[in-house]
Amino acid sequence: MHSPTYGEVSYREMIQIIKRFISKSPHSKYNISVGTDSQNFGYTKTVVVVAIHRVGNGGIFFYDIRKVEKITNTSQKLFFETSMSLEIANLLSKALKEEDIGLGISIHVDAGNNGKTSKLIPEIVGWIKACGFNCETKPNSYAASSIADKYSK
C-alpha cells in the first residue's frame, strides 16, 4: 500500500499505523472506509483506498494501484471495483478484529443517482450489506469518488 504520509508500507504495517492513529485519540469517533475507482487507458487502472477519518480532526489514507485487462462495460467495471473494495474490507475487518479495534467499515461506491450506473445501486448496496458492511454512494462516497478518483487518473 502507498500513503502520502507514510510512503510505501506493507499491509501489516498499514494495520499497525491505523492502530497507532486510533490510539492517539481513543475517545474520538472514527469512520473507516474502503473505496475503489478505475479509469480506462490501454488497460484499466484500478485504485483501492483505505481511509481512516477522525471525525472533526483529519485522517489518513492508503491506496493501492493495480492494472488489469481493460474493462469497457460500465456495469462490469462497477462490479469489479466493488469486488476489490469488498476483498480489502474483508481483510481489514479481520485484522482490526485481531487488534481489538471494534470499528465498522463502510464501502464507498463510485456511483450516484444521476449517472449511468444509478440503476445498479440497489443491487450493489444489497451485495455490500449482505457481506456485512455499510455502504455509501455519491455524494457521500469520498473514498471512491474523491480519493481513489484522484489517483486513478
N, C-alpha and C. Protein backbone atom coordinates (compact mmCIF):
# COMPACT_ATOMS: atom_id res chain seq x y z
N MET A 1 0.85 -1.18 0.00
CA MET A 1 0.00 0.00 0.00
C MET A 1 0.90 1.24 0.00
N HIS A 2 0.35 2.32 -0.50
CA HIS A 2 1.05 3.60 -0.53
C HIS A 2 0.31 4.57 0.40
N SER A 3 1.04 5.50 0.94
CA SER A 3 0.45 6.54 1.78
C SER A 3 1.19 7.85 1.53
N PRO A 4 0.45 8.94 1.33
CA PRO A 4 1.12 10.23 1.18
C PRO A 4 1.90 10.60 2.44
N THR A 5 1.48 10.11 3.60
CA THR A 5 2.12 10.43 4.87
C THR A 5 3.26 9.47 5.21
N TYR A 6 3.04 8.17 4.98
CA TYR A 6 3.98 7.14 5.44
C TYR A 6 4.77 6.47 4.32
N GLY A 7 4.49 6.82 3.08
CA GLY A 7 5.20 6.21 1.96
C GLY A 7 4.72 4.80 1.68
N GLU A 8 5.62 3.98 1.17
CA GLU A 8 5.29 2.59 0.83
C GLU A 8 5.27 1.76 2.12
N VAL A 9 4.14 1.08 2.39
CA VAL A 9 4.03 0.26 3.59
C VAL A 9 3.43 -1.09 3.22
N SER A 10 3.76 -2.09 4.00
CA SER A 10 3.14 -3.41 3.80
C SER A 10 1.73 -3.36 4.39
N TYR A 11 0.97 -4.37 4.09
CA TYR A 11 -0.39 -4.46 4.62
C TYR A 11 -0.34 -4.50 6.15
N ARG A 12 0.56 -5.29 6.72
CA ARG A 12 0.72 -5.42 8.17
C ARG A 12 1.09 -4.06 8.78
N GLU A 13 2.02 -3.33 8.12
CA GLU A 13 2.41 -2.01 8.62
C GLU A 13 1.23 -1.04 8.59
N MET A 14 0.40 -1.13 7.55
CA MET A 14 -0.77 -0.28 7.45
C MET A 14 -1.69 -0.50 8.66
N ILE A 15 -1.90 -1.76 9.03
CA ILE A 15 -2.75 -2.07 10.18
C ILE A 15 -2.16 -1.46 11.45
N GLN A 16 -0.85 -1.56 11.63
CA GLN A 16 -0.20 -1.00 12.82
C GLN A 16 -0.29 0.52 12.84
N ILE A 17 -0.18 1.16 11.68
CA ILE A 17 -0.31 2.61 11.58
C ILE A 17 -1.73 3.03 11.95
N ILE A 18 -2.71 2.30 11.44
CA ILE A 18 -4.11 2.58 11.77
C ILE A 18 -4.32 2.44 13.29
N LYS A 19 -3.78 1.38 13.85
CA LYS A 19 -3.91 1.15 15.29
C LYS A 19 -3.31 2.31 16.09
N ARG A 20 -2.12 2.77 15.70
CA ARG A 20 -1.47 3.90 16.38
C ARG A 20 -2.28 5.18 16.21
N PHE A 21 -2.80 5.40 15.00
CA PHE A 21 -3.59 6.60 14.72
C PHE A 21 -4.81 6.65 15.64
N ILE A 22 -5.50 5.53 15.78
CA ILE A 22 -6.69 5.48 16.62
C ILE A 22 -6.31 5.60 18.10
N SER A 23 -5.20 4.99 18.50
CA SER A 23 -4.80 5.02 19.92
C SER A 23 -4.40 6.43 20.39
N LYS A 24 -4.05 7.30 19.45
CA LYS A 24 -3.68 8.67 19.83
C LYS A 24 -4.88 9.48 20.31
N SER A 25 -6.06 9.07 19.91
CA SER A 25 -7.29 9.75 20.34
C SER A 25 -8.40 8.70 20.44
N PRO A 26 -8.31 7.84 21.44
CA PRO A 26 -9.21 6.69 21.53
C PRO A 26 -10.69 7.03 21.75
N HIS A 27 -10.97 8.24 22.24
CA HIS A 27 -12.36 8.60 22.50
C HIS A 27 -13.01 9.35 21.34
N SER A 28 -12.26 9.56 20.28
CA SER A 28 -12.81 10.21 19.10
C SER A 28 -13.69 9.25 18.33
N LYS A 29 -14.50 9.81 17.44
CA LYS A 29 -15.33 8.99 16.53
C LYS A 29 -14.53 8.80 15.24
N TYR A 30 -14.56 7.58 14.72
CA TYR A 30 -13.82 7.26 13.51
C TYR A 30 -14.74 6.66 12.45
N ASN A 31 -14.44 6.99 11.20
CA ASN A 31 -15.08 6.34 10.06
C ASN A 31 -13.97 5.67 9.26
N ILE A 32 -14.12 4.36 9.08
CA ILE A 32 -13.17 3.63 8.25
C ILE A 32 -13.89 3.27 6.96
N SER A 33 -13.29 3.67 5.86
CA SER A 33 -13.93 3.48 4.55
C SER A 33 -12.98 2.81 3.58
N VAL A 34 -13.55 1.99 2.71
CA VAL A 34 -12.80 1.38 1.62
C VAL A 34 -13.55 1.72 0.34
N GLY A 35 -12.84 2.26 -0.63
CA GLY A 35 -13.46 2.61 -1.90
C GLY A 35 -12.53 2.36 -3.05
N THR A 36 -13.11 2.12 -4.20
CA THR A 36 -12.32 1.83 -5.41
C THR A 36 -12.85 2.65 -6.57
N ASP A 37 -11.94 3.14 -7.40
CA ASP A 37 -12.29 3.78 -8.66
C ASP A 37 -11.33 3.29 -9.72
N SER A 38 -11.73 3.38 -10.96
CA SER A 38 -10.85 2.94 -12.05
C SER A 38 -11.05 3.84 -13.26
N GLN A 39 -10.02 3.87 -14.07
CA GLN A 39 -10.03 4.63 -15.33
C GLN A 39 -9.46 3.74 -16.42
N ASN A 40 -10.00 3.89 -17.61
CA ASN A 40 -9.50 3.12 -18.74
C ASN A 40 -8.45 3.88 -19.52
N PHE A 41 -7.39 3.16 -19.81
CA PHE A 41 -6.34 3.62 -20.72
C PHE A 41 -6.21 2.49 -21.74
N GLY A 42 -5.04 1.97 -22.03
CA GLY A 42 -4.91 0.75 -22.83
C GLY A 42 -5.21 -0.46 -21.96
N TYR A 43 -5.44 -0.21 -20.70
CA TYR A 43 -5.74 -1.18 -19.64
C TYR A 43 -6.71 -0.46 -18.70
N THR A 44 -7.13 -1.12 -17.65
CA THR A 44 -7.93 -0.46 -16.62
C THR A 44 -7.06 -0.28 -15.39
N LYS A 45 -6.86 0.98 -15.02
CA LYS A 45 -6.09 1.33 -13.82
C LYS A 45 -7.08 1.41 -12.66
N THR A 46 -6.86 0.56 -11.66
CA THR A 46 -7.78 0.46 -10.54
C THR A 46 -7.08 0.89 -9.27
N VAL A 47 -7.73 1.75 -8.50
CA VAL A 47 -7.16 2.26 -7.26
C VAL A 47 -8.11 1.93 -6.11
N VAL A 48 -7.60 1.20 -5.12
CA VAL A 48 -8.35 0.87 -3.92
C VAL A 48 -7.82 1.74 -2.79
N VAL A 49 -8.72 2.36 -2.04
CA VAL A 49 -8.35 3.27 -0.96
C VAL A 49 -8.90 2.76 0.37
N VAL A 50 -8.07 2.86 1.40
CA VAL A 50 -8.50 2.64 2.78
C VAL A 50 -8.32 3.98 3.48
N ALA A 51 -9.43 4.57 3.94
CA ALA A 51 -9.38 5.88 4.58
C ALA A 51 -9.86 5.78 6.03
N ILE A 52 -9.12 6.40 6.93
CA ILE A 52 -9.49 6.44 8.34
C ILE A 52 -9.69 7.91 8.68
N HIS A 53 -10.94 8.28 8.97
CA HIS A 53 -11.30 9.66 9.24
C HIS A 53 -11.59 9.82 10.73
N ARG A 54 -10.80 10.64 11.40
CA ARG A 54 -11.09 11.00 12.79
C ARG A 54 -12.02 12.20 12.69
N VAL A 55 -13.30 11.97 12.94
CA VAL A 55 -14.33 12.97 12.70
C VAL A 55 -14.00 14.27 13.43
N GLY A 56 -13.96 15.34 12.65
CA GLY A 56 -13.65 16.65 13.17
C GLY A 56 -12.18 16.93 13.35
N ASN A 57 -11.33 15.96 12.96
CA ASN A 57 -9.90 16.15 13.22
C ASN A 57 -9.02 15.40 12.22
N GLY A 58 -9.36 15.45 10.94
CA GLY A 58 -8.49 14.90 9.90
C GLY A 58 -8.54 13.40 9.74
N GLY A 59 -7.55 12.90 9.08
CA GLY A 59 -7.49 11.47 8.83
C GLY A 59 -6.25 11.08 8.06
N ILE A 60 -6.17 9.80 7.78
CA ILE A 60 -5.08 9.25 6.97
C ILE A 60 -5.70 8.31 5.95
N PHE A 61 -4.94 8.05 4.89
CA PHE A 61 -5.43 7.06 3.92
C PHE A 61 -4.26 6.35 3.27
N PHE A 62 -4.60 5.20 2.70
CA PHE A 62 -3.66 4.35 2.00
C PHE A 62 -4.31 3.97 0.68
N TYR A 63 -3.49 3.72 -0.34
CA TYR A 63 -4.06 3.31 -1.61
C TYR A 63 -3.15 2.29 -2.29
N ASP A 64 -3.77 1.50 -3.13
CA ASP A 64 -3.05 0.50 -3.91
C ASP A 64 -3.51 0.62 -5.36
N ILE A 65 -2.57 0.60 -6.27
CA ILE A 65 -2.88 0.72 -7.70
C ILE A 65 -2.62 -0.61 -8.38
N ARG A 66 -3.60 -1.05 -9.14
CA ARG A 66 -3.46 -2.28 -9.93
C ARG A 66 -3.87 -2.00 -11.36
N LYS A 67 -3.17 -2.64 -12.27
CA LYS A 67 -3.52 -2.55 -13.68
C LYS A 67 -4.07 -3.90 -14.10
N VAL A 68 -5.25 -3.88 -14.71
CA VAL A 68 -5.87 -5.12 -15.17
C VAL A 68 -6.27 -4.95 -16.64
N GLU A 69 -6.62 -6.06 -17.24
CA GLU A 69 -7.08 -6.01 -18.62
C GLU A 69 -8.24 -5.02 -18.72
N LYS A 70 -8.28 -4.28 -19.81
CA LYS A 70 -9.26 -3.21 -19.98
C LYS A 70 -10.70 -3.73 -19.84
N ILE A 71 -11.47 -3.05 -18.99
CA ILE A 71 -12.89 -3.38 -18.79
C ILE A 71 -13.69 -2.24 -19.41
N THR A 72 -14.34 -2.50 -20.51
CA THR A 72 -15.06 -1.44 -21.21
C THR A 72 -16.52 -1.32 -20.82
N ASN A 73 -17.11 -2.38 -20.31
CA ASN A 73 -18.51 -2.36 -19.90
C ASN A 73 -18.63 -1.67 -18.54
N THR A 74 -19.40 -0.60 -18.48
CA THR A 74 -19.53 0.20 -17.26
C THR A 74 -20.06 -0.62 -16.09
N SER A 75 -21.03 -1.45 -16.31
CA SER A 75 -21.59 -2.28 -15.24
C SER A 75 -20.55 -3.25 -14.71
N GLN A 76 -19.85 -3.92 -15.62
CA GLN A 76 -18.82 -4.86 -15.20
C GLN A 76 -17.72 -4.15 -14.42
N LYS A 77 -17.39 -2.94 -14.84
CA LYS A 77 -16.35 -2.18 -14.16
C LYS A 77 -16.78 -1.83 -12.73
N LEU A 78 -18.02 -1.41 -12.55
CA LEU A 78 -18.51 -1.08 -11.21
C LEU A 78 -18.55 -2.33 -10.32
N PHE A 79 -18.96 -3.45 -10.86
CA PHE A 79 -18.96 -4.69 -10.08
C PHE A 79 -17.54 -5.13 -9.73
N PHE A 80 -16.60 -4.93 -10.65
CA PHE A 80 -15.20 -5.25 -10.38
C PHE A 80 -14.66 -4.34 -9.27
N GLU A 81 -14.93 -3.05 -9.36
CA GLU A 81 -14.49 -2.11 -8.33
C GLU A 81 -15.05 -2.52 -6.96
N THR A 82 -16.33 -2.86 -6.94
CA THR A 82 -16.98 -3.26 -5.68
C THR A 82 -16.35 -4.53 -5.13
N SER A 83 -16.05 -5.48 -5.99
CA SER A 83 -15.44 -6.73 -5.52
C SER A 83 -14.06 -6.47 -4.93
N MET A 84 -13.32 -5.54 -5.52
CA MET A 84 -12.00 -5.19 -4.97
C MET A 84 -12.14 -4.53 -3.60
N SER A 85 -13.11 -3.64 -3.46
CA SER A 85 -13.35 -3.00 -2.17
C SER A 85 -13.75 -4.03 -1.12
N LEU A 86 -14.61 -4.96 -1.49
CA LEU A 86 -15.04 -6.00 -0.55
C LEU A 86 -13.88 -6.89 -0.13
N GLU A 87 -13.00 -7.21 -1.08
CA GLU A 87 -11.83 -8.04 -0.77
C GLU A 87 -10.96 -7.36 0.30
N ILE A 88 -10.65 -6.09 0.10
CA ILE A 88 -9.82 -5.36 1.05
C ILE A 88 -10.57 -5.16 2.38
N ALA A 89 -11.86 -4.85 2.31
CA ALA A 89 -12.64 -4.64 3.53
C ALA A 89 -12.70 -5.91 4.37
N ASN A 90 -12.81 -7.07 3.74
CA ASN A 90 -12.82 -8.33 4.48
C ASN A 90 -11.49 -8.56 5.20
N LEU A 91 -10.39 -8.33 4.50
CA LEU A 91 -9.07 -8.47 5.12
C LEU A 91 -8.88 -7.47 6.25
N LEU A 92 -9.29 -6.24 6.01
CA LEU A 92 -9.15 -5.18 7.01
C LEU A 92 -10.01 -5.48 8.24
N SER A 93 -11.22 -5.93 8.02
CA SER A 93 -12.13 -6.26 9.12
C SER A 93 -11.53 -7.34 10.02
N LYS A 94 -10.99 -8.37 9.41
CA LYS A 94 -10.37 -9.46 10.16
C LYS A 94 -9.16 -8.94 10.96
N ALA A 95 -8.33 -8.13 10.33
CA ALA A 95 -7.14 -7.59 11.00
C ALA A 95 -7.51 -6.67 12.15
N LEU A 96 -8.53 -5.83 11.97
CA LEU A 96 -8.94 -4.92 13.03
C LEU A 96 -9.51 -5.71 14.21
N LYS A 97 -10.23 -6.76 13.90
CA LYS A 97 -10.78 -7.61 14.97
C LYS A 97 -9.65 -8.26 15.77
N GLU A 98 -8.62 -8.73 15.08
CA GLU A 98 -7.45 -9.32 15.75
C GLU A 98 -6.74 -8.31 16.64
N GLU A 99 -6.81 -7.03 16.27
CA GLU A 99 -6.15 -5.97 17.04
C GLU A 99 -7.09 -5.36 18.08
N ASP A 100 -8.26 -5.93 18.26
CA ASP A 100 -9.27 -5.43 19.20
C ASP A 100 -9.74 -4.02 18.88
N ILE A 101 -9.83 -3.72 17.60
CA ILE A 101 -10.35 -2.43 17.16
C ILE A 101 -11.77 -2.69 16.64
N GLY A 102 -12.75 -2.30 17.42
CA GLY A 102 -14.14 -2.62 17.10
C GLY A 102 -14.84 -1.54 16.32
N LEU A 103 -14.33 -1.22 15.17
CA LEU A 103 -14.95 -0.20 14.33
C LEU A 103 -15.50 -0.85 13.06
N GLY A 104 -16.66 -0.41 12.63
CA GLY A 104 -17.23 -0.91 11.39
C GLY A 104 -16.56 -0.28 10.18
N ILE A 105 -16.75 -0.93 9.06
CA ILE A 105 -16.16 -0.45 7.81
C ILE A 105 -17.29 -0.14 6.84
N SER A 106 -17.15 0.96 6.15
CA SER A 106 -18.12 1.35 5.14
C SER A 106 -17.46 1.24 3.76
N ILE A 107 -18.18 0.64 2.84
CA ILE A 107 -17.70 0.56 1.45
C ILE A 107 -18.24 1.76 0.70
N HIS A 108 -17.34 2.48 0.04
CA HIS A 108 -17.73 3.64 -0.75
C HIS A 108 -17.74 3.26 -2.22
N VAL A 109 -18.88 3.48 -2.86
CA VAL A 109 -19.09 3.08 -4.26
C VAL A 109 -19.11 4.33 -5.13
N ASP A 110 -18.40 4.26 -6.24
CA ASP A 110 -18.33 5.39 -7.17
C ASP A 110 -19.53 5.36 -8.11
N ALA A 111 -20.72 5.49 -7.52
CA ALA A 111 -21.96 5.53 -8.30
C ALA A 111 -22.94 6.42 -7.56
N GLY A 112 -23.75 7.13 -8.34
CA GLY A 112 -24.75 8.01 -7.74
C GLY A 112 -26.04 7.95 -8.51
N ASN A 113 -27.02 8.65 -8.02
CA ASN A 113 -28.36 8.60 -8.62
C ASN A 113 -28.45 9.28 -9.98
N ASN A 114 -27.43 10.04 -10.38
CA ASN A 114 -27.52 10.78 -11.63
C ASN A 114 -26.72 10.19 -12.79
N GLY A 115 -25.95 9.15 -12.56
CA GLY A 115 -25.10 8.62 -13.62
C GLY A 115 -25.67 7.40 -14.31
N LYS A 116 -24.86 6.84 -15.23
CA LYS A 116 -25.30 5.66 -15.97
C LYS A 116 -25.35 4.42 -15.10
N THR A 117 -24.70 4.47 -13.95
CA THR A 117 -24.69 3.30 -13.06
C THR A 117 -25.79 3.37 -12.00
N SER A 118 -26.62 4.40 -12.04
CA SER A 118 -27.63 4.59 -11.00
C SER A 118 -28.56 3.38 -10.87
N LYS A 119 -28.86 2.73 -11.97
CA LYS A 119 -29.77 1.58 -11.93
C LYS A 119 -29.15 0.38 -11.19
N LEU A 120 -27.83 0.39 -11.03
CA LEU A 120 -27.15 -0.72 -10.36
C LEU A 120 -27.04 -0.52 -8.85
N ILE A 121 -27.35 0.67 -8.37
CA ILE A 121 -27.15 0.98 -6.95
C ILE A 121 -27.88 0.01 -6.02
N PRO A 122 -29.16 -0.28 -6.23
CA PRO A 122 -29.82 -1.21 -5.29
C PRO A 122 -29.13 -2.58 -5.21
N GLU A 123 -28.69 -3.09 -6.34
CA GLU A 123 -28.01 -4.39 -6.35
C GLU A 123 -26.65 -4.33 -5.65
N ILE A 124 -25.89 -3.28 -5.93
CA ILE A 124 -24.56 -3.12 -5.33
C ILE A 124 -24.70 -2.93 -3.81
N VAL A 125 -25.62 -2.06 -3.39
CA VAL A 125 -25.82 -1.80 -1.97
C VAL A 125 -26.27 -3.08 -1.26
N GLY A 126 -27.16 -3.83 -1.88
CA GLY A 126 -27.63 -5.09 -1.30
C GLY A 126 -26.49 -6.09 -1.13
N TRP A 127 -25.63 -6.16 -2.13
CA TRP A 127 -24.48 -7.07 -2.09
C TRP A 127 -23.55 -6.70 -0.93
N ILE A 128 -23.25 -5.41 -0.83
CA ILE A 128 -22.33 -4.93 0.21
C ILE A 128 -22.93 -5.19 1.60
N LYS A 129 -24.19 -4.86 1.77
CA LYS A 129 -24.84 -5.06 3.07
C LYS A 129 -24.93 -6.55 3.42
N ALA A 130 -25.15 -7.39 2.41
CA ALA A 130 -25.20 -8.84 2.65
C ALA A 130 -23.84 -9.37 3.10
N CYS A 131 -22.78 -8.66 2.73
CA CYS A 131 -21.42 -9.03 3.16
C CYS A 131 -21.08 -8.47 4.53
N GLY A 132 -22.01 -7.71 5.13
CA GLY A 132 -21.82 -7.21 6.49
C GLY A 132 -21.21 -5.83 6.62
N PHE A 133 -21.21 -5.07 5.54
CA PHE A 133 -20.63 -3.73 5.57
C PHE A 133 -21.68 -2.67 5.32
N ASN A 134 -21.42 -1.46 5.80
CA ASN A 134 -22.24 -0.32 5.44
C ASN A 134 -21.85 0.13 4.04
N CYS A 135 -22.69 0.92 3.42
CA CYS A 135 -22.41 1.36 2.05
C CYS A 135 -22.75 2.83 1.89
N GLU A 136 -21.89 3.53 1.17
CA GLU A 136 -22.14 4.93 0.81
C GLU A 136 -22.01 5.07 -0.70
N THR A 137 -22.89 5.86 -1.29
CA THR A 137 -22.81 6.19 -2.71
C THR A 137 -22.61 7.70 -2.83
N LYS A 138 -22.42 8.15 -4.06
CA LYS A 138 -22.24 9.59 -4.28
C LYS A 138 -23.47 10.34 -3.76
N PRO A 139 -23.32 11.44 -3.15
CA PRO A 139 -22.13 12.27 -2.99
C PRO A 139 -21.32 11.97 -1.72
N ASN A 140 -21.68 10.94 -0.97
CA ASN A 140 -21.03 10.65 0.32
C ASN A 140 -19.90 9.63 0.23
N SER A 141 -19.58 9.17 -0.94
CA SER A 141 -18.59 8.10 -1.10
C SER A 141 -17.20 8.65 -1.41
N TYR A 142 -16.68 9.49 -0.52
CA TYR A 142 -15.43 10.21 -0.77
C TYR A 142 -14.22 9.30 -1.01
N ALA A 143 -14.17 8.12 -0.37
CA ALA A 143 -13.01 7.24 -0.55
C ALA A 143 -12.89 6.81 -2.02
N ALA A 144 -14.03 6.58 -2.67
CA ALA A 144 -14.02 6.18 -4.07
C ALA A 144 -14.08 7.38 -5.02
N SER A 145 -15.06 8.27 -4.79
CA SER A 145 -15.32 9.33 -5.76
C SER A 145 -14.39 10.53 -5.65
N SER A 146 -13.63 10.62 -4.56
CA SER A 146 -12.66 11.71 -4.45
C SER A 146 -11.22 11.20 -4.38
N ILE A 147 -10.91 10.42 -3.34
CA ILE A 147 -9.52 9.99 -3.16
C ILE A 147 -9.08 9.02 -4.26
N ALA A 148 -9.81 7.92 -4.43
CA ALA A 148 -9.42 6.94 -5.46
C ALA A 148 -9.47 7.56 -6.85
N ASP A 149 -10.47 8.42 -7.08
CA ASP A 149 -10.60 9.09 -8.37
C ASP A 149 -9.35 9.90 -8.69
N LYS A 150 -8.82 10.60 -7.70
CA LYS A 150 -7.62 11.42 -7.90
C LYS A 150 -6.42 10.57 -8.35
N TYR A 151 -6.25 9.41 -7.73
CA TYR A 151 -5.08 8.56 -8.04
C TYR A 151 -5.30 7.66 -9.25
N SER A 152 -6.53 7.56 -9.72
CA SER A 152 -6.78 6.69 -10.88
C SER A 152 -6.53 7.41 -12.20
N LYS A 153 -6.36 8.71 -12.17
CA LYS A 153 -6.19 9.49 -13.42
C LYS A 153 -4.76 9.58 -13.86
